[in-house]
N, C-alpha and C. Protein backbone atom coordinates (compact mmCIF):
# COMPACT_ATOMS: atom_id res chain seq x y z
N UNK A 1 -182.40 -12.52 -84.19
CA UNK A 1 -182.46 -11.23 -83.48
C UNK A 1 -183.56 -11.00 -84.27
N UNK A 2 -184.91 -10.59 -83.73
CA UNK A 2 -186.05 -9.92 -84.06
C UNK A 2 -185.64 -8.35 -84.95
N UNK A 3 -186.05 -8.13 -85.95
CA UNK A 3 -186.50 -6.73 -86.44
C UNK A 3 -187.94 -6.23 -87.05
N UNK A 4 -188.36 -4.93 -86.37
CA UNK A 4 -189.33 -4.72 -86.51
C UNK A 4 -189.80 -3.52 -86.94
N UNK A 5 -190.30 -2.90 -87.75
CA UNK A 5 -190.59 -1.56 -87.89
C UNK A 5 -192.41 -0.54 -87.59
N UNK A 6 -191.70 0.22 -86.91
CA UNK A 6 -193.10 1.06 -86.21
C UNK A 6 -193.18 2.23 -86.76
N UNK A 7 -194.42 2.52 -86.84
CA UNK A 7 -194.83 3.84 -87.19
C UNK A 7 -195.16 4.54 -86.20
N UNK A 8 -194.65 6.20 -85.79
CA UNK A 8 -195.08 6.96 -84.90
C UNK A 8 -196.10 7.67 -85.28
N UNK A 9 -197.02 8.32 -84.43
CA UNK A 9 -197.78 9.66 -85.65
C UNK A 9 -197.87 11.19 -84.29
N UNK A 10 -197.03 12.02 -85.12
CA UNK A 10 -196.92 13.13 -84.20
C UNK A 10 -198.15 14.02 -84.58
N UNK A 11 -198.95 14.25 -84.06
CA UNK A 11 -200.28 14.66 -84.24
C UNK A 11 -200.54 16.04 -83.10
N UNK A 12 -200.27 17.16 -83.56
CA UNK A 12 -200.56 18.28 -82.24
C UNK A 12 -201.63 19.36 -82.89
N UNK A 13 -202.73 19.62 -82.34
CA UNK A 13 -203.84 20.30 -82.27
C UNK A 13 -203.79 21.38 -81.32
N UNK A 14 -204.90 22.08 -81.16
CA UNK A 14 -204.82 23.13 -80.42
C UNK A 14 -204.66 23.11 -78.86
N UNK A 15 -205.13 21.92 -78.80
CA UNK A 15 -205.01 21.78 -77.34
C UNK A 15 -203.91 21.01 -76.98
N UNK A 16 -203.07 20.85 -77.49
CA UNK A 16 -201.72 19.99 -77.55
C UNK A 16 -201.27 19.08 -78.39
N UNK A 17 -200.79 17.91 -77.87
CA UNK A 17 -200.45 16.74 -78.47
C UNK A 17 -200.84 15.62 -78.25
N UNK A 18 -201.15 14.76 -79.09
CA UNK A 18 -201.97 13.51 -78.75
C UNK A 18 -201.04 12.50 -78.68
N UNK A 19 -201.47 12.05 -77.14
CA UNK A 19 -200.91 10.59 -76.63
C UNK A 19 -201.67 9.67 -76.55
N UNK A 20 -201.36 8.54 -76.21
CA UNK A 20 -201.92 7.81 -76.17
C UNK A 20 -201.34 6.79 -74.50
N UNK A 21 -202.40 6.31 -73.55
CA UNK A 21 -201.98 5.55 -72.68
C UNK A 21 -201.92 3.64 -72.97
N UNK A 22 -200.92 3.43 -73.29
CA UNK A 22 -200.86 1.93 -73.19
C UNK A 22 -200.70 1.02 -71.95
N UNK A 23 -201.33 -0.24 -72.01
CA UNK A 23 -201.33 -0.97 -70.93
C UNK A 23 -199.97 -2.22 -71.56
N UNK A 24 -199.42 -2.08 -70.70
CA UNK A 24 -198.09 -3.25 -71.18
C UNK A 24 -198.54 -4.59 -70.16
N UNK A 25 -198.04 -5.44 -70.57
CA UNK A 25 -197.83 -7.10 -70.24
C UNK A 25 -197.54 -7.21 -69.06
N UNK A 26 -196.79 -6.34 -68.32
CA UNK A 26 -196.41 -6.27 -67.04
C UNK A 26 -197.53 -5.65 -65.94
N UNK A 27 -198.48 -5.31 -66.49
CA UNK A 27 -199.43 -4.26 -65.63
C UNK A 27 -199.31 -2.74 -65.97
N UNK A 28 -197.91 -2.42 -66.46
CA UNK A 28 -197.69 -0.98 -66.04
C UNK A 28 -198.12 0.02 -67.53
N UNK A 29 -198.67 0.79 -67.45
CA UNK A 29 -198.97 1.95 -68.18
C UNK A 29 -197.74 2.98 -68.61
N UNK A 30 -197.88 3.10 -69.54
CA UNK A 30 -196.84 4.65 -70.06
C UNK A 30 -197.90 5.25 -71.55
N UNK A 31 -197.41 6.78 -71.37
CA UNK A 31 -197.77 7.49 -72.64
C UNK A 31 -196.89 7.36 -74.07
N UNK A 32 -197.43 7.04 -75.26
CA UNK A 32 -196.66 7.83 -76.48
C UNK A 32 -197.53 8.46 -77.36
N UNK A 33 -196.93 8.66 -78.12
CA UNK A 33 -197.53 9.12 -79.81
C UNK A 33 -198.24 7.66 -79.57
N UNK A 34 -199.22 8.16 -80.73
CA UNK A 34 -200.34 6.67 -81.10
C UNK A 34 -199.50 6.32 -82.70
N UNK A 35 -199.63 4.78 -82.84
CA UNK A 35 -198.60 4.14 -83.74
C UNK A 35 -198.64 2.75 -83.36
N UNK A 36 -197.99 2.43 -84.07
CA UNK A 36 -197.64 0.67 -84.11
C UNK A 36 -197.09 0.18 -85.09
N UNK A 37 -197.12 -1.06 -85.19
CA UNK A 37 -196.10 -2.24 -85.86
C UNK A 37 -196.33 -1.96 -87.16
N UNK A 38 -195.66 -1.55 -88.45
CA UNK A 38 -195.76 -1.75 -89.73
C UNK A 38 -196.02 -3.13 -90.35
N UNK A 39 -196.75 -4.06 -91.20
CA UNK A 39 -197.06 -5.33 -91.58
C UNK A 39 -195.51 -5.13 -92.62
N UNK A 40 -194.91 -6.12 -93.17
CA UNK A 40 -194.24 -6.04 -93.99
C UNK A 40 -194.64 -5.62 -95.18
N UNK A 41 -193.93 -5.18 -96.43
CA UNK A 41 -194.38 -4.61 -97.46
C UNK A 41 -195.75 -3.50 -97.34
N UNK A 42 -196.20 -3.18 -96.30
CA UNK A 42 -196.83 -2.29 -95.76
C UNK A 42 -196.28 -0.63 -95.91
N UNK A 43 -196.68 0.23 -96.73
CA UNK A 43 -196.36 1.67 -96.95
C UNK A 43 -196.55 2.26 -95.55
N UNK A 44 -195.43 2.62 -94.57
CA UNK A 44 -195.73 3.49 -93.59
C UNK A 44 -196.22 4.17 -93.09
N UNK A 45 -196.94 5.28 -93.80
CA UNK A 45 -197.86 5.81 -93.89
C UNK A 45 -199.44 5.75 -93.82
N UNK A 46 -199.52 4.38 -94.90
CA UNK A 46 -200.60 3.51 -94.77
C UNK A 46 -200.75 3.00 -93.75
N UNK A 47 -199.91 1.74 -93.18
CA UNK A 47 -200.09 1.39 -91.84
C UNK A 47 -199.97 2.67 -90.55
N UNK A 48 -199.61 3.07 -90.68
CA UNK A 48 -199.76 4.54 -89.64
C UNK A 48 -200.92 4.65 -89.38
N UNK A 49 -201.33 5.17 -90.56
CA UNK A 49 -202.98 5.90 -90.58
C UNK A 49 -203.49 4.78 -90.21
N UNK A 50 -203.48 3.50 -90.21
CA UNK A 50 -204.48 2.56 -90.18
C UNK A 50 -204.47 2.54 -88.52
N UNK A 51 -203.23 2.77 -87.69
CA UNK A 51 -202.91 2.26 -86.44
C UNK A 51 -203.54 3.75 -85.53
N UNK A 52 -203.57 4.83 -86.16
CA UNK A 52 -203.94 5.89 -85.30
C UNK A 52 -205.71 6.20 -85.53
N UNK A 53 -206.09 5.48 -86.82
CA UNK A 53 -207.28 5.36 -86.35
C UNK A 53 -208.18 4.42 -85.73
N UNK A 54 -207.36 2.84 -85.16
CA UNK A 54 -207.15 2.01 -84.55
C UNK A 54 -207.46 2.76 -83.22
N UNK A 55 -206.22 3.33 -82.82
CA UNK A 55 -206.15 3.95 -81.43
C UNK A 55 -206.63 4.97 -80.83
N UNK A 56 -206.77 5.96 -81.68
CA UNK A 56 -207.57 6.84 -81.25
C UNK A 56 -208.75 7.82 -81.54
N UNK A 57 -209.15 6.65 -83.37
CA UNK A 57 -210.66 7.09 -83.82
C UNK A 57 -210.50 8.12 -84.56
N UNK A 58 -208.99 9.12 -85.01
CA UNK A 58 -208.76 9.85 -85.88
C UNK A 58 -208.11 9.49 -87.58
N UNK A 59 -208.88 9.88 -88.35
CA UNK A 59 -208.22 9.47 -89.46
C UNK A 59 -207.51 10.59 -90.21
N UNK A 60 -206.05 10.33 -90.55
CA UNK A 60 -205.46 11.27 -90.69
C UNK A 60 -205.53 11.46 -92.32
N UNK A 61 -206.07 12.49 -92.78
CA UNK A 61 -206.10 12.58 -94.57
C UNK A 61 -204.69 13.22 -95.41
N UNK A 62 -203.73 13.51 -94.59
CA UNK A 62 -202.63 14.20 -95.03
C UNK A 62 -201.50 14.19 -94.12
N UNK A 63 -200.40 13.94 -94.66
CA UNK A 63 -199.18 13.69 -93.63
C UNK A 63 -198.26 15.04 -94.28
N UNK A 64 -197.88 15.40 -92.96
CA UNK A 64 -196.45 16.62 -93.60
C UNK A 64 -195.23 16.08 -93.57
N UNK A 65 -194.86 15.00 -92.94
CA UNK A 65 -193.61 14.25 -93.93
C UNK A 65 -192.84 13.68 -92.10
N UNK A 66 -191.90 12.60 -92.35
CA UNK A 66 -191.23 12.36 -91.69
C UNK A 66 -190.40 13.63 -90.87
N UNK A 67 -190.79 13.00 -89.45
CA UNK A 67 -190.19 14.24 -88.46
C UNK A 67 -188.59 13.38 -88.01
N UNK A 68 -188.87 12.40 -87.68
CA UNK A 68 -187.40 11.78 -87.13
C UNK A 68 -187.44 10.10 -86.89
N UNK A 69 -186.49 9.56 -87.24
CA UNK A 69 -186.37 8.15 -87.05
C UNK A 69 -185.55 7.92 -86.30
N UNK A 70 -185.86 6.39 -85.16
CA UNK A 70 -185.01 5.68 -83.91
C UNK A 70 -185.05 4.62 -84.39
N UNK A 71 -183.26 4.46 -84.04
CA UNK A 71 -183.27 2.88 -84.00
C UNK A 71 -182.60 2.53 -82.82
N UNK A 72 -183.04 1.29 -82.13
CA UNK A 72 -182.63 0.97 -81.24
C UNK A 72 -182.39 -0.30 -81.01
N UNK A 73 -181.63 -0.52 -80.42
CA UNK A 73 -180.73 -1.82 -80.49
C UNK A 73 -180.61 -2.85 -78.93
N UNK A 74 -181.39 -3.71 -79.20
CA UNK A 74 -181.44 -4.26 -77.81
C UNK A 74 -180.97 -5.51 -77.60
N UNK A 75 -179.53 -6.01 -78.14
CA UNK A 75 -179.06 -7.28 -78.27
C UNK A 75 -179.40 -8.57 -77.15
N UNK A 76 -179.75 -8.22 -75.84
CA UNK A 76 -179.66 -9.35 -74.77
C UNK A 76 -181.25 -9.44 -74.54
N UNK A 77 -181.76 -8.52 -75.33
CA UNK A 77 -183.24 -8.99 -75.66
C UNK A 77 -183.75 -9.43 -76.81
N UNK A 78 -182.61 -9.15 -77.53
CA UNK A 78 -183.24 -10.42 -78.88
C UNK A 78 -183.78 -9.38 -79.95
N UNK A 79 -183.37 -8.32 -80.00
CA UNK A 79 -184.30 -7.44 -81.12
C UNK A 79 -183.72 -5.97 -81.75
N UNK A 80 -183.91 -5.95 -82.67
CA UNK A 80 -183.89 -4.16 -83.16
C UNK A 80 -185.21 -3.64 -83.67
N UNK A 81 -185.39 -2.18 -83.07
CA UNK A 81 -186.51 -1.38 -83.57
C UNK A 81 -186.21 -0.47 -84.62
N UNK A 82 -187.18 -0.24 -85.17
CA UNK A 82 -186.88 0.96 -86.35
C UNK A 82 -188.26 1.58 -85.83
N UNK A 83 -188.09 2.81 -85.88
CA UNK A 83 -189.17 4.04 -85.82
C UNK A 83 -189.75 4.69 -86.80
N UNK A 84 -190.24 5.39 -87.49
CA UNK A 84 -190.40 6.32 -88.22
C UNK A 84 -191.95 6.98 -88.24
N UNK A 85 -191.32 8.31 -87.48
CA UNK A 85 -192.57 9.17 -86.88
C UNK A 85 -192.94 10.39 -88.13
N UNK A 86 -193.76 10.24 -88.44
CA UNK A 86 -194.63 11.36 -89.04
C UNK A 86 -195.50 12.03 -88.61
N UNK A 87 -195.55 13.31 -88.95
CA UNK A 87 -195.78 14.28 -88.51
C UNK A 87 -197.46 14.47 -89.27
N UNK A 88 -198.64 14.19 -88.59
CA UNK A 88 -200.17 14.94 -89.41
C UNK A 88 -199.91 15.93 -90.08
N UNK A 89 -200.51 16.48 -90.89
CA UNK A 89 -200.92 17.95 -90.98
C UNK A 89 -202.05 18.21 -91.24
N UNK A 90 -203.22 16.98 -91.67
CA UNK A 90 -204.70 17.12 -91.62
C UNK A 90 -205.15 15.72 -90.71
N UNK A 91 -206.20 15.93 -90.47
CA UNK A 91 -207.06 14.77 -89.74
C UNK A 91 -208.83 15.46 -89.33
N UNK A 92 -209.25 14.11 -89.31
CA UNK A 92 -210.45 14.45 -88.53
C UNK A 92 -211.20 13.30 -88.03
N UNK A 93 -212.54 13.54 -87.24
CA UNK A 93 -212.75 12.68 -86.42
C UNK A 93 -212.74 12.86 -85.01
N UNK A 94 -213.51 12.42 -84.24
CA UNK A 94 -213.56 12.56 -82.99
C UNK A 94 -212.78 11.81 -81.99
N UNK A 95 -211.78 11.50 -81.08
CA UNK A 95 -210.94 10.55 -79.93
C UNK A 95 -212.21 9.55 -79.57
N UNK A 96 -211.92 8.35 -80.38
CA UNK A 96 -212.64 7.14 -79.86
C UNK A 96 -211.41 5.78 -79.93
N UNK A 97 -211.00 5.16 -78.55
CA UNK A 97 -210.12 4.54 -78.56
C UNK A 97 -210.60 2.96 -78.84
N UNK A 98 -210.44 2.61 -79.77
CA UNK A 98 -211.47 1.02 -80.29
C UNK A 98 -209.72 0.38 -80.62
N UNK A 99 -209.68 0.01 -80.18
CA UNK A 99 -207.71 -0.83 -80.19
C UNK A 99 -208.05 -2.49 -80.32
N UNK A 100 -207.98 -2.67 -81.27
CA UNK A 100 -208.10 -4.10 -81.42
C UNK A 100 -207.25 -5.02 -80.46
N UNK A 101 -206.00 -4.71 -80.44
CA UNK A 101 -204.92 -5.41 -79.83
C UNK A 101 -205.18 -5.08 -78.11
N UNK A 102 -206.11 -4.05 -77.88
CA UNK A 102 -206.20 -4.05 -76.41
C UNK A 102 -205.45 -3.10 -75.70
N UNK A 103 -204.08 -2.57 -76.22
CA UNK A 103 -202.95 -2.12 -75.51
C UNK A 103 -203.42 -0.97 -75.17
N UNK A 104 -203.89 -0.02 -76.25
CA UNK A 104 -204.42 1.63 -75.98
C UNK A 104 -205.64 1.70 -75.24
N UNK A 105 -205.82 2.36 -73.77
CA UNK A 105 -206.60 2.54 -72.94
C UNK A 105 -207.19 3.93 -72.89
N UNK A 106 -206.25 4.82 -73.41
CA UNK A 106 -206.64 6.12 -73.81
C UNK A 106 -205.99 6.97 -74.74
N UNK A 107 -207.01 7.69 -75.12
CA UNK A 107 -206.32 9.19 -76.14
C UNK A 107 -206.59 10.11 -75.59
N UNK A 108 -205.44 10.98 -75.37
CA UNK A 108 -205.79 12.57 -74.76
C UNK A 108 -204.71 13.58 -75.41
N UNK A 109 -205.43 14.80 -76.16
CA UNK A 109 -205.15 15.66 -76.24
C UNK A 109 -203.74 16.55 -74.90
N UNK A 110 -202.70 16.29 -75.17
CA UNK A 110 -202.35 16.59 -73.94
C UNK A 110 -201.13 18.18 -74.03
N UNK A 111 -201.52 19.21 -73.38
CA UNK A 111 -200.75 20.36 -73.49
C UNK A 111 -199.00 20.10 -73.50
N UNK A 112 -199.02 20.98 -74.39
CA UNK A 112 -197.38 20.40 -74.63
C UNK A 112 -196.23 20.65 -73.30
N UNK A 113 -197.01 22.03 -72.50
CA UNK A 113 -195.81 22.21 -71.48
C UNK A 113 -196.32 20.78 -70.11
N UNK A 114 -197.24 20.13 -70.59
CA UNK A 114 -197.21 18.48 -69.79
C UNK A 114 -196.79 17.44 -70.39
N UNK A 115 -196.08 17.18 -71.54
CA UNK A 115 -195.93 16.44 -72.19
C UNK A 115 -194.94 15.41 -71.17
N UNK A 116 -193.81 16.34 -71.00
CA UNK A 116 -192.63 15.68 -70.63
C UNK A 116 -193.06 14.52 -69.10
N UNK A 117 -194.07 15.44 -68.58
CA UNK A 117 -194.49 14.70 -67.50
C UNK A 117 -194.97 13.28 -68.23
N UNK A 118 -196.38 13.52 -68.69
CA UNK A 118 -197.12 12.15 -69.14
C UNK A 118 -195.81 11.38 -70.08
N UNK A 119 -194.82 11.55 -70.70
CA UNK A 119 -193.77 10.61 -71.13
C UNK A 119 -192.96 10.52 -70.27
N UNK A 120 -192.69 10.94 -69.02
CA UNK A 120 -191.74 10.38 -68.09
C UNK A 120 -192.20 9.09 -67.63
N UNK A 121 -190.80 8.03 -67.37
CA UNK A 121 -191.13 7.16 -66.84
C UNK A 121 -191.26 5.92 -67.99
N UNK A 122 -191.65 6.52 -69.34
CA UNK A 122 -191.95 5.73 -70.59
C UNK A 122 -190.16 5.01 -70.97
N UNK A 123 -189.66 5.01 -71.93
CA UNK A 123 -189.08 4.27 -72.61
C UNK A 123 -188.10 5.55 -73.26
N UNK A 124 -186.86 5.63 -73.06
CA UNK A 124 -186.25 6.87 -73.50
C UNK A 124 -185.89 7.05 -74.86
N UNK A 125 -186.74 5.99 -75.56
CA UNK A 125 -186.59 5.98 -76.97
C UNK A 125 -187.51 6.69 -77.68
N UNK A 126 -188.32 6.68 -76.91
CA UNK A 126 -189.73 7.36 -77.19
C UNK A 126 -189.70 8.54 -76.63
N UNK A 127 -189.62 9.00 -75.30
CA UNK A 127 -189.67 10.17 -74.87
C UNK A 127 -188.79 11.14 -75.29
N UNK A 128 -187.17 10.84 -75.46
CA UNK A 128 -186.41 11.89 -76.24
C UNK A 128 -186.78 12.25 -77.48
N UNK A 129 -186.89 11.64 -78.22
CA UNK A 129 -187.30 12.37 -79.65
C UNK A 129 -188.29 13.54 -79.25
N UNK A 130 -189.48 12.85 -78.97
CA UNK A 130 -190.78 13.91 -79.00
C UNK A 130 -190.62 15.06 -78.10
N UNK A 131 -190.06 15.10 -77.17
CA UNK A 131 -189.71 16.02 -76.36
C UNK A 131 -188.88 16.90 -76.85
N UNK A 132 -187.77 16.36 -77.86
CA UNK A 132 -187.03 17.25 -78.55
C UNK A 132 -187.40 18.26 -79.51
N UNK A 133 -188.43 17.24 -80.54
CA UNK A 133 -189.31 17.82 -81.28
C UNK A 133 -189.82 19.36 -80.55
N UNK A 134 -190.73 18.79 -79.83
CA UNK A 134 -191.52 19.96 -79.19
C UNK A 134 -190.60 21.05 -78.67
N UNK A 135 -189.76 20.57 -78.72
CA UNK A 135 -188.91 22.08 -77.70
C UNK A 135 -188.32 22.99 -79.34
N UNK A 136 -188.00 22.35 -80.24
CA UNK A 136 -186.67 22.66 -81.23
C UNK A 136 -188.45 23.08 -82.70
N UNK A 137 -189.09 21.83 -82.71
CA UNK A 137 -189.58 22.03 -84.20
C UNK A 137 -189.04 22.39 -85.58
N UNK A 138 -188.35 21.14 -85.32
CA UNK A 138 -187.08 20.98 -86.47
C UNK A 138 -187.61 21.09 -87.84
N UNK A 139 -187.52 21.60 -89.08
CA UNK A 139 -188.10 21.25 -90.01
C UNK A 139 -187.18 19.80 -90.85
N UNK A 140 -187.47 19.19 -91.91
CA UNK A 140 -186.86 18.32 -92.12
C UNK A 140 -186.96 16.61 -91.36
N UNK A 141 -186.21 15.73 -91.11
CA UNK A 141 -186.20 14.95 -90.38
C UNK A 141 -184.53 15.01 -89.37
N UNK A 142 -184.56 14.28 -88.23
CA UNK A 142 -183.62 13.53 -87.58
C UNK A 142 -183.22 12.30 -86.91
N UNK A 143 -182.39 12.10 -86.75
CA UNK A 143 -181.99 10.46 -86.10
C UNK A 143 -181.82 10.28 -84.93
N UNK A 144 -182.40 9.27 -84.28
CA UNK A 144 -181.66 9.01 -82.85
C UNK A 144 -181.72 7.53 -82.77
N UNK A 145 -180.49 7.41 -82.12
CA UNK A 145 -179.67 5.91 -81.75
C UNK A 145 -179.68 5.73 -80.41
N UNK A 146 -180.08 3.99 -80.06
CA UNK A 146 -179.85 4.02 -78.71
C UNK A 146 -179.24 2.53 -78.53
N UNK A 147 -178.85 2.12 -77.74
CA UNK A 147 -178.62 0.76 -77.12
C UNK A 147 -179.14 0.10 -76.07
N UNK A 148 -179.81 -0.78 -76.05
CA UNK A 148 -180.13 -1.04 -74.82
C UNK A 148 -179.37 -2.19 -74.04
N UNK A 149 -179.50 -2.27 -72.99
CA UNK A 149 -178.78 -3.76 -72.39
C UNK A 149 -179.25 -3.91 -71.19
N UNK A 150 -179.54 -5.37 -70.80
CA UNK A 150 -179.99 -5.86 -70.23
C UNK A 150 -181.25 -6.35 -70.26
N UNK A 151 -181.85 -7.71 -69.68
CA UNK A 151 -182.91 -8.73 -69.83
C UNK A 151 -184.25 -8.41 -69.38
N UNK A 152 -183.90 -7.75 -68.03
CA UNK A 152 -185.05 -6.90 -67.04
C UNK A 152 -185.59 -5.49 -67.76
N UNK A 153 -187.05 -5.20 -67.93
CA UNK A 153 -186.90 -4.07 -68.31
C UNK A 153 -187.13 -3.12 -66.72
N UNK A 154 -187.51 -3.47 -66.05
CA UNK A 154 -186.99 -2.35 -64.92
C UNK A 154 -185.67 -2.03 -64.62
N UNK A 155 -184.86 -2.64 -65.24
CA UNK A 155 -183.58 -2.21 -65.17
C UNK A 155 -182.52 -2.32 -66.24
N UNK A 156 -183.33 -2.03 -67.38
CA UNK A 156 -182.44 -1.64 -68.45
C UNK A 156 -181.56 -0.68 -68.49
N UNK A 157 -180.50 -0.86 -69.03
CA UNK A 157 -179.47 0.63 -69.42
C UNK A 157 -179.81 0.95 -70.56
N UNK A 158 -180.20 2.26 -71.00
CA UNK A 158 -180.11 2.45 -72.50
C UNK A 158 -179.06 3.66 -72.47
N UNK A 159 -178.36 3.86 -73.44
CA UNK A 159 -177.49 4.39 -74.05
C UNK A 159 -178.13 5.55 -75.45
N UNK A 160 -178.01 6.85 -75.52
CA UNK A 160 -178.10 6.91 -76.70
C UNK A 160 -176.82 7.54 -77.21
N UNK A 161 -177.00 6.96 -78.55
CA UNK A 161 -175.86 6.90 -79.21
C UNK A 161 -175.70 7.78 -80.74
């Protein structure tokens, strides 16, 4: 079972929430908050700041705190994913995508009312926590759990637990 940790950045500015468009191996694309895999032993906020810079050109100078944690288990696919989503309190710079992995193709400030439309069609374990935070804006952190069954991305059965 492959396990990994991903950091996700919740960055809200005057024009909306920052989302990135990712090109997947199968040629499809989806929108997510910026973020990526955290290296073993790397502090989450350090790795997340690195990912935000690569994917968006922005430098996060202060994190406000952990907003939510996602645990997604996909036994048929052989992986377990943990996501820590941190809210950025301060950042600087201009949007400029320079993703060395070649996955992120665009970064955009999306008006809050348009976020659900952008997130539609992506993974529920990404879209649901973001959408819920945008509708409630809770203090502290929340946890989300998902069980993913199947081996074909197009026909996965995702259950929130």
